[in-house]
Protein backbone atom coordinates (compact mmCIF):
# COMPACT_ATOMS: atom_id res chain seq x y z
CA UNK A 1 -49.44 56.66 8.85
CA UNK A 2 -46.52 59.28 9.39
CA UNK A 3 -48.18 60.34 12.85
CA UNK A 4 -48.08 56.88 14.04
CA UNK A 5 -44.31 56.28 12.54
CA UNK A 6 -43.76 59.78 14.47
CA UNK A 7 -45.28 58.76 17.50
CA UNK A 8 -43.27 54.97 17.48
CA UNK A 9 -39.60 56.66 16.94
CA UNK A 10 -40.40 59.42 19.33
CA UNK A 11 -41.90 57.45 21.78
CA UNK A 12 -39.15 55.12 21.77
CA UNK A 13 -36.16 57.60 21.87
CA UNK A 14 -38.08 58.84 25.11
CA UNK A 15 -38.08 56.02 26.86
CA UNK A 16 -34.34 54.43 25.70
CA UNK A 17 -33.82 57.76 27.40
CA UNK A 18 -35.25 57.83 30.80
CA UNK A 19 -33.50 55.40 33.25
CA UNK A 20 -36.97 55.25 35.32
CA UNK A 21 -38.22 53.47 32.05
CA UNK A 22 -37.34 49.58 32.41
CA UNK A 23 -39.31 48.56 29.31
CA UNK A 24 -41.41 49.21 26.29
CA UNK A 25 -44.83 48.08 25.10
CA UNK A 26 -46.36 48.55 22.17
CA UNK A 27 -50.25 48.24 21.20
CA UNK A 28 -52.61 49.36 18.77
CA UNK A 29 -56.22 51.08 20.04
CA UNK A 30 -59.39 49.98 19.54
CA UNK A 31 -58.90 46.29 19.46
CA UNK A 32 -56.29 46.02 16.70
CA UNK A 33 -52.26 45.90 17.04
CA UNK A 34 -52.25 47.78 13.27
CA UNK A 35 -53.48 46.71 9.86
CA UNK A 36 -50.32 48.12 8.51
CA UNK A 37 -49.65 50.96 6.08
CA UNK A 38 -52.28 52.35 3.87
CA UNK A 39 -51.66 51.66 0.37
CA UNK A 40 -52.85 55.18 -0.46
CA UNK A 41 -49.68 57.02 0.91
CA UNK A 42 -47.01 54.18 -1.37
CA UNK A 43 -47.80 56.73 -4.16
CA UNK A 44 -46.48 60.15 -2.04
CA UNK A 45 -42.95 61.49 -1.65
CA UNK A 46 -42.20 60.47 1.67
CA UNK A 47 -42.42 63.30 3.84
CA UNK A 48 -39.99 64.44 7.06
CA UNK A 49 -37.64 61.36 6.29
CA UNK A 50 -39.98 59.25 7.92
CA UNK A 51 -40.20 55.05 6.86
CA UNK A 52 -41.37 52.04 8.52
CA UNK A 53 -37.57 50.16 7.98
CA UNK A 54 -35.39 52.41 10.01
CA UNK A 55 -38.31 53.07 12.73
CA UNK A 56 -38.35 49.10 13.40
CA UNK A 57 -34.84 48.80 13.45
CA UNK A 58 -34.88 51.31 16.01
CA UNK A 59 -37.29 49.03 17.95
CA UNK A 60 -35.27 45.90 17.53
CA UNK A 61 -32.26 48.20 18.75
CA UNK A 62 -33.34 48.97 22.09
CA UNK A 63 -31.02 48.21 25.33
CA UNK A 64 -34.67 47.83 27.05
CA UNK A 65 -37.52 45.01 26.32
CA UNK A 66 -40.10 45.97 23.96
CA UNK A 67 -43.08 44.20 23.87
CA UNK A 68 -45.56 43.81 20.89
CA UNK A 69 -48.96 43.15 22.97
CA UNK A 70 -51.22 42.06 19.56
CA UNK A 71 -54.68 42.64 19.78
CA UNK A 72 -57.22 42.21 16.77
CA UNK A 73 -55.01 42.13 13.35
CA UNK A 74 -51.01 42.45 13.12
CA UNK A 75 -51.20 42.45 9.19
CA UNK A 76 -48.18 43.66 6.92
CA UNK A 77 -46.53 46.77 8.36
CA UNK A 78 -48.05 45.98 11.78
CA UNK A 79 -46.47 42.88 11.80
CA UNK A 80 -43.68 43.95 10.75
CA UNK A 81 -43.48 46.13 13.65
CA UNK A 82 -44.40 43.12 15.80
CA UNK A 83 -41.38 40.77 14.20
CA UNK A 84 -39.09 44.12 15.71
CA UNK A 85 -40.27 44.04 19.00
CA UNK A 86 -38.15 41.75 21.79
CA UNK A 87 -41.58 39.73 22.51
CA UNK A 88 -44.54 39.83 21.23
CA UNK A 89 -48.09 38.66 23.10
CA UNK A 90 -51.45 37.93 21.53
CA UNK A 91 -55.06 37.90 21.97
CA UNK A 92 -56.14 34.30 21.25
CA UNK A 93 -58.51 35.65 18.91
CA UNK A 94 -55.34 37.80 17.21
CA UNK A 95 -54.41 37.30 13.34
CA UNK A 96 -51.52 37.95 12.13
CA UNK A 97 -49.92 38.01 8.52
CA UNK A 98 -48.03 39.33 5.55
CA UNK A 99 -51.44 40.26 3.12
CA UNK A 100 -49.65 42.80 0.90
CA UNK A 101 -48.18 39.88 -1.54
CA UNK A 102 -51.88 39.19 -2.70
CA UNK A 103 -52.03 42.58 -4.27
CA UNK A 104 -48.32 41.80 -5.67
CA UNK A 105 -46.56 43.51 -3.26
CA UNK A 106 -43.24 42.47 -0.75
CA UNK A 107 -43.16 43.03 2.72
CA UNK A 108 -40.66 46.16 2.24
CA UNK A 109 -39.57 46.44 6.38
CA UNK A 110 -37.66 43.79 6.53
CA UNK A 111 -39.98 41.41 7.37
CA UNK A 112 -38.67 39.30 4.83
CA UNK A 113 -35.61 38.94 6.91
CA UNK A 114 -36.82 38.72 10.28
CA UNK A 115 -39.79 36.33 10.16
CA UNK A 116 -37.52 33.35 8.58
CA UNK A 117 -34.71 34.17 11.59
CA UNK A 118 -37.95 34.00 13.76
CA UNK A 119 -39.36 30.93 12.83
CA UNK A 120 -37.79 29.19 10.05
CA UNK A 121 -37.48 29.52 6.45
CA UNK A 122 -40.30 27.17 5.42
CA UNK A 123 -42.97 28.57 7.67
CA UNK A 124 -42.20 31.92 6.95
CA UNK A 125 -42.32 31.49 3.35
CA UNK A 126 -45.31 30.33 3.17
CA UNK A 127 -46.66 33.29 5.48
CA UNK A 128 -44.68 35.35 2.98
CA UNK A 129 -46.11 33.76 -0.46
CA UNK A 130 -49.53 33.45 0.54
CA UNK A 131 -50.26 36.39 2.39
CA UNK A 132 -52.58 33.97 4.92
CA UNK A 133 -53.48 35.47 8.07
CA UNK A 134 -52.13 33.30 11.03
CA UNK A 135 -54.27 32.43 14.00
CA UNK A 136 -52.53 33.28 17.38
CA UNK A 137 -52.91 29.84 18.46
CA UNK A 138 -50.99 28.83 14.91
CA UNK A 139 -48.87 31.53 15.60
CA UNK A 140 -47.46 30.87 18.93
CA UNK A 141 -46.53 26.42 17.54
CA UNK A 142 -44.69 28.23 15.27
CA UNK A 143 -42.79 30.19 17.44
CA UNK A 144 -44.35 33.96 15.95
CA UNK A 145 -45.85 34.82 19.47
CA UNK A 146 -44.48 34.10 22.60
CA UNK A 147 -47.65 34.16 24.31
CA UNK A 148 -51.15 33.32 24.24
CA UNK A 149 -53.43 35.22 26.23
CA UNK A 150 -57.32 35.26 26.90
CA UNK A 151 -57.37 38.62 28.78
CA UNK A 152 -56.22 42.11 28.43
CA UNK A 153 -52.98 42.01 26.22
CA UNK A 154 -51.36 45.65 27.43
CA UNK A 155 -51.85 44.43 31.10
CA UNK A 156 -50.14 40.81 30.02
CA UNK A 157 -47.46 42.30 27.84
CA UNK A 158 -46.64 44.52 31.36
CA UNK A 159 -46.30 41.36 33.39
CA UNK A 160 -43.93 40.02 30.90
CA UNK A 161 -41.59 42.83 30.12
CA UNK A 162 -41.79 43.42 34.20
CA UNK A 163 -40.43 39.38 34.19
CA UNK A 164 -37.17 40.01 31.40
C-alpha cells in the first residue's frame, strides 16, 4: 500500500540520517513479511510519486546494513523488498516467491535482476517463471537467505545486524 511504501521510505531516510543508528531491520507484522502488492492498485494512477522500485533501490543503496526479517511469506513485491536488503533472515516456516507470473505479470521492482545476481540464472529463472513458493530451507541452500531460524526473526536479524 502507499502507506507501507511511504513508511519504508521515511524510516530508511531517518535511519540513514541518524548517526546513532548503526543498522536497519525490516519486518512485517502479524507473522508475515509481505504478500506483495494489492493488484487492485495496479489500475489506479500513481499518487505522490511513490513506487516500489525506487524504494527498494533506496534500501539497497543504504550505507548502513539493512536486514530483512522474513516471517510467514515474502511474495512478489515483498520478496523484491527483501532482495534489496543487504542480508535476509527467514523463519524456518517462511516461504518466498514471485507468484505474479501465474496471473501474467512480471516482477516489476527489479526482482528479475536482483534474484539472478543473488542465486544465479538457472535457479532464478525457475523461481521467476514458475511462481512457485520456495520454503526457507531451500532458500538457504540457494543463497536467497543468509540464515534460517526457528526463533524470533526480528531478534535474529538484530543480532546479525550487530555482527555486521
